[in-house]
C-alpha atoms as a PDB file:
ATOM      1  CA  MET A   1     -18.597   7.512  -0.070  1.00  0.00           C
ATOM      2  CA  SER A   2     -17.998   9.110  -3.436  1.00  0.00           C
ATOM      3  CA  SER A   3     -14.788  10.807  -4.406  1.00  0.00           C
ATOM      4  CA  ALA A   4     -13.718  13.598  -6.710  1.00  0.00           C
ATOM      5  CA  TRP A   5     -10.523  13.301  -8.727  1.00  0.00           C
ATOM      6  CA  ARG A   6      -7.851  15.985  -8.580  1.00  0.00           C
ATOM      7  CA  GLY A   7      -4.954  14.834 -10.726  1.00  0.00           C
ATOM      8  CA  ARG A   8      -4.136  11.289  -9.679  1.00  0.00           C
ATOM      9  CA  PHE A   9      -5.562  11.719  -6.173  1.00  0.00           C
ATOM     10  CA  ALA A  10      -9.078  10.759  -5.128  1.00  0.00           C
ATOM     11  CA  ILE A  11     -10.335  13.274  -2.580  1.00  0.00           C
ATOM     12  CA  ALA A  12     -13.180  12.305  -0.276  1.00  0.00           C
ATOM     13  CA  SER A  13     -16.285  14.322  -1.123  1.00  0.00           C
ATOM     14  CA  SER A  14     -17.311  14.666   2.504  1.00  0.00           C
ATOM     15  CA  GLY A  15     -16.084  18.251   2.353  1.00  0.00           C
ATOM     16  CA  SER A  16     -12.726  17.564   3.988  1.00  0.00           C
ATOM     17  CA  TRP A  17      -9.273  17.333   2.450  1.00  0.00           C
ATOM     18  CA  CYS A  18      -8.206  14.763   5.051  1.00  0.00           C
ATOM     19  CA  GLY A  19      -8.184  11.749   2.750  1.00  0.00           C
ATOM     20  CA  ALA A  20      -6.502  10.768  -0.488  1.00  0.00           C
ATOM     21  CA  ALA A  21      -5.985   7.630  -2.572  1.00  0.00           C
ATOM     22  CA  ILE A  22      -3.361   7.010  -5.227  1.00  0.00           C
ATOM     23  CA  ASP A  23      -2.291   3.889  -7.099  1.00  0.00           C
ATOM     24  CA  GLY A  24      -4.098   1.508  -4.743  1.00  0.00           C
ATOM     25  CA  PHE A  25      -2.914   3.144  -1.513  1.00  0.00           C
ATOM     26  CA  SER A  26      -5.078   5.367   0.624  1.00  0.00           C
ATOM     27  CA  LEU A  27      -4.398   7.826   3.410  1.00  0.00           C
ATOM     28  CA  HIS A  28      -7.005   9.145   5.795  1.00  0.00           C
ATOM     29  CA  ALA A  29      -5.830  11.747   8.289  1.00  0.00           C
ATOM     30  CA  GLY A  30      -9.196  12.724   9.740  1.00  0.00           C
ATOM     31  CA  VAL A  31      -9.009  10.543  12.862  1.00  0.00           C
ATOM     32  CA  ARG A  32      -8.946  12.351  16.173  1.00  0.00           C
ATOM     33  CA  VAL A  33      -8.562  10.537  19.482  1.00  0.00           C
ATOM     34  CA  GLU A  34      -8.589  12.263  22.862  1.00  0.00           C
ATOM     35  CA  ALA A  35      -5.839  11.410  25.370  1.00  0.00           C
ATOM     36  CA  GLN A  36      -8.246   9.794  27.850  1.00  0.00           C
ATOM     37  CA  GLU A  37      -9.693   7.394  25.224  1.00  0.00           C
ATOM     38  CA  THR A  38      -7.163   4.657  25.936  1.00  0.00           C
ATOM     39  CA  GLU A  39      -8.972   1.889  24.029  1.00  0.00           C
ATOM     40  CA  ARG A  40      -9.216   3.982  20.854  1.00  0.00           C
ATOM     41  CA  LEU A  41      -5.597   5.119  21.272  1.00  0.00           C
ATOM     42  CA  GLU A  42      -4.488   1.500  21.505  1.00  0.00           C
ATOM     43  CA  GLN A  43      -6.545   0.596  18.429  1.00  0.00           C
ATOM     44  CA  LEU A  44      -5.025   3.484  16.452  1.00  0.00           C
ATOM     45  CA  TYR A  45      -1.521   2.603  17.670  1.00  0.00           C
ATOM     46  CA  ARG A  46      -1.930  -1.032  16.606  1.00  0.00           C
ATOM     47  CA  TYR A  47      -3.222   0.045  13.188  1.00  0.00           C
ATOM     48  CA  VAL A  48      -0.386   2.496  12.555  1.00  0.00           C
ATOM     49  CA  THR A  49       2.378   0.160  13.745  1.00  0.00           C
ATOM     50  CA  ARG A  50       1.204  -2.991  12.005  1.00  0.00           C
ATOM     51  CA  PRO A  51       3.801  -4.532   9.712  1.00  0.00           C
ATOM     52  CA  PRO A  52       3.351  -4.395   5.929  1.00  0.00           C
ATOM     53  CA  VAL A  53       3.783  -8.178   5.746  1.00  0.00           C
ATOM     54  CA  VAL A  54       1.658 -10.618   7.727  1.00  0.00           C
ATOM     55  CA  THR A  55       4.268 -12.361   9.853  1.00  0.00           C
ATOM     56  CA  GLU A  56       2.028 -15.377  10.441  1.00  0.00           C
ATOM     57  CA  CYS A  57       2.395 -16.187   6.732  1.00  0.00           C
ATOM     58  CA  LEU A  58       6.206 -16.268   6.896  1.00  0.00           C
ATOM     59  CA  SER A  59       8.351 -19.167   7.997  1.00  0.00           C
ATOM     60  CA  PRO A  60      12.098 -19.759   7.773  1.00  0.00           C
ATOM     61  CA  ALA A  61      13.290 -22.788   5.837  1.00  0.00           C
ATOM     62  CA  PRO A  62      16.243 -24.855   7.099  1.00  0.00           C
ATOM     63  CA  ASP A  63      18.362 -23.856   4.086  1.00  0.00           C
ATOM     64  CA  GLY A  64      18.150 -20.133   4.980  1.00  0.00           C
ATOM     65  CA  LYS A  65      15.283 -19.294   2.639  1.00  0.00           C
ATOM     66  CA  VAL A  66      11.973 -17.650   3.512  1.00  0.00           C
ATOM     67  CA  THR A  67       8.651 -19.338   2.773  1.00  0.00           C
ATOM     68  CA  HIS A  68       5.579 -17.152   2.314  1.00  0.00           C
ATOM     69  CA  ARG A  69       2.172 -18.850   2.568  1.00  0.00           C
ATOM     70  CA  LEU A  70      -0.353 -17.296   0.188  1.00  0.00           C
ATOM     71  CA  ARG A  71      -3.824 -16.302   1.391  1.00  0.00           C
ATOM     72  CA  HIS A  72      -5.451 -18.059  -1.549  1.00  0.00           C
ATOM     73  CA  ALA A  73      -4.045 -20.739  -3.788  1.00  0.00           C
ATOM     74  CA  TRP A  74      -3.154 -19.591  -7.278  1.00  0.00           C
ATOM     75  CA  ARG A  75      -4.879 -21.085 -10.317  1.00  0.00           C
ATOM     76  CA  ASP A  76      -2.017 -23.524 -10.805  1.00  0.00           C
ATOM     77  CA  GLY A  77      -2.379 -24.753  -7.200  1.00  0.00           C
ATOM     78  CA  THR A  78       0.590 -22.860  -5.728  1.00  0.00           C
ATOM     79  CA  THR A  79       0.090 -22.273  -2.003  1.00  0.00           C
ATOM     80  CA  HIS A  80       3.612 -21.184  -0.949  1.00  0.00           C
ATOM     81  CA  VAL A  81       6.346 -19.041  -2.488  1.00  0.00           C
ATOM     82  CA  VAL A  82       9.986 -19.578  -1.479  1.00  0.00           C
ATOM     83  CA  PHE A  83      12.511 -16.713  -1.601  1.00  0.00           C
ATOM     84  CA  SER A  84      16.171 -16.496  -0.759  1.00  0.00           C
ATOM     85  CA  LEU A  85      16.649 -14.115   2.160  1.00  0.00           C
ATOM     86  CA  LEU A  86      18.247 -11.494  -0.077  1.00  0.00           C
ATOM     87  CA  ALA A  87      15.460 -11.720  -2.683  1.00  0.00           C
ATOM     88  CA  PHE A  88      12.829 -11.444   0.063  1.00  0.00           C
ATOM     89  CA  LEU A  89      14.449  -8.277   1.411  1.00  0.00           C
ATOM     90  CA  GLU A  90      14.837  -6.798  -2.075  1.00  0.00           C
ATOM     91  CA  ARG A  91      11.092  -6.985  -2.843  1.00  0.00           C
ATOM     92  CA  PRO A  92       9.942  -4.305  -0.366  1.00  0.00           C
ATOM     93  CA  ALA A  93      13.143  -2.301  -0.882  1.00  0.00           C
ATOM     94  CA  ALA A  94      12.309  -1.991  -4.580  1.00  0.00           C
ATOM     95  CA  LEU A  95       9.136  -0.084  -3.661  1.00  0.00           C
ATOM     96  CA  VAL A  96      11.036   2.649  -1.797  1.00  0.00           C
ATOM     97  CA  PRO A  97      12.081   5.449  -4.182  1.00  0.00           C
ATOM     98  CA  HIS A  98      15.629   6.790  -4.270  1.00  0.00           C
ATOM     99  CA  PRO A  99      15.942   9.964  -2.124  1.00  0.00           C
ATOM    100  CA  SER A 100      16.744  12.093  -5.174  1.00  0.00           C
ATOM    101  CA  ALA A 101      13.961  10.616  -7.319  1.00  0.00           C
ATOM    102  CA  HIS A 102      11.401  13.067  -8.701  1.00  0.00           C
ATOM    103  CA  LEU A 103       8.042  11.808  -7.430  1.00  0.00           C
ATOM    104  CA  SER A 104       5.699  14.127  -9.347  1.00  0.00           C
ATOM    105  CA  PRO A 105       4.452  12.180 -12.360  1.00  0.00           C
ATOM    106  CA  THR A 106       4.150  14.456 -15.372  1.00  0.00           C
ATOM    107  CA  THR A 107       4.421  11.947 -18.204  1.00  0.00           C
ATOM    108  CA  ASP A 108       1.399  12.213 -20.495  1.00  0.00           C
ATOM    109  CA  SER A 109      -0.494  14.393 -18.028  1.00  0.00           C
ATOM    110  CA  TRP A 110      -0.391  17.529 -20.205  1.00  0.00           C
ATOM    111  CA  ARG A 111      -1.007  15.800 -23.507  1.00  0.00           C
ATOM    112  CA  PRO A 112      -4.507  16.233 -24.978  1.00  0.00           C
ATOM    113  CA  ARG A 113      -6.843  13.265 -24.996  1.00  0.00           C
ATOM    114  CA  PRO A 114      -6.871  11.306 -28.245  1.00  0.00           C
ATOM    115  CA  THR A 115      -9.936  11.628 -30.414  1.00  0.00           C
ATOM    116  CA  CYS A 116     -11.265   8.257 -31.490  1.00  0.00           C
ATOM    117  CA  ALA A 117     -12.569   7.994 -35.029  1.00  0.00           C
ATOM    118  CA  ALA A 118     -15.201   5.303 -34.818  1.00  0.00           C
END
């Protein structure tokens, strides 16, 4: 499926405005499930309510720290990352913007493109 760009959002070119993608995240709001379709409702419910972190990859350490098992080993051979509980909770919290934060990015968006002298 191709997409057309409007600002920083990628809009699906299927003729609908029901989908968008920005900075690696995507949202598709074109799913419709009838009330009697219980299997599809359950599937949609499980998708929407899934946690952002795979809980099977987490394990508590005896010293109160949290161990996260990586899906793939890093180049240096690291397979697990250990966080203090506070540091582990701060990571996702850092992604949530402050309620008064201005979320419309305007930096460099109105500046003309540079001309390259090759």
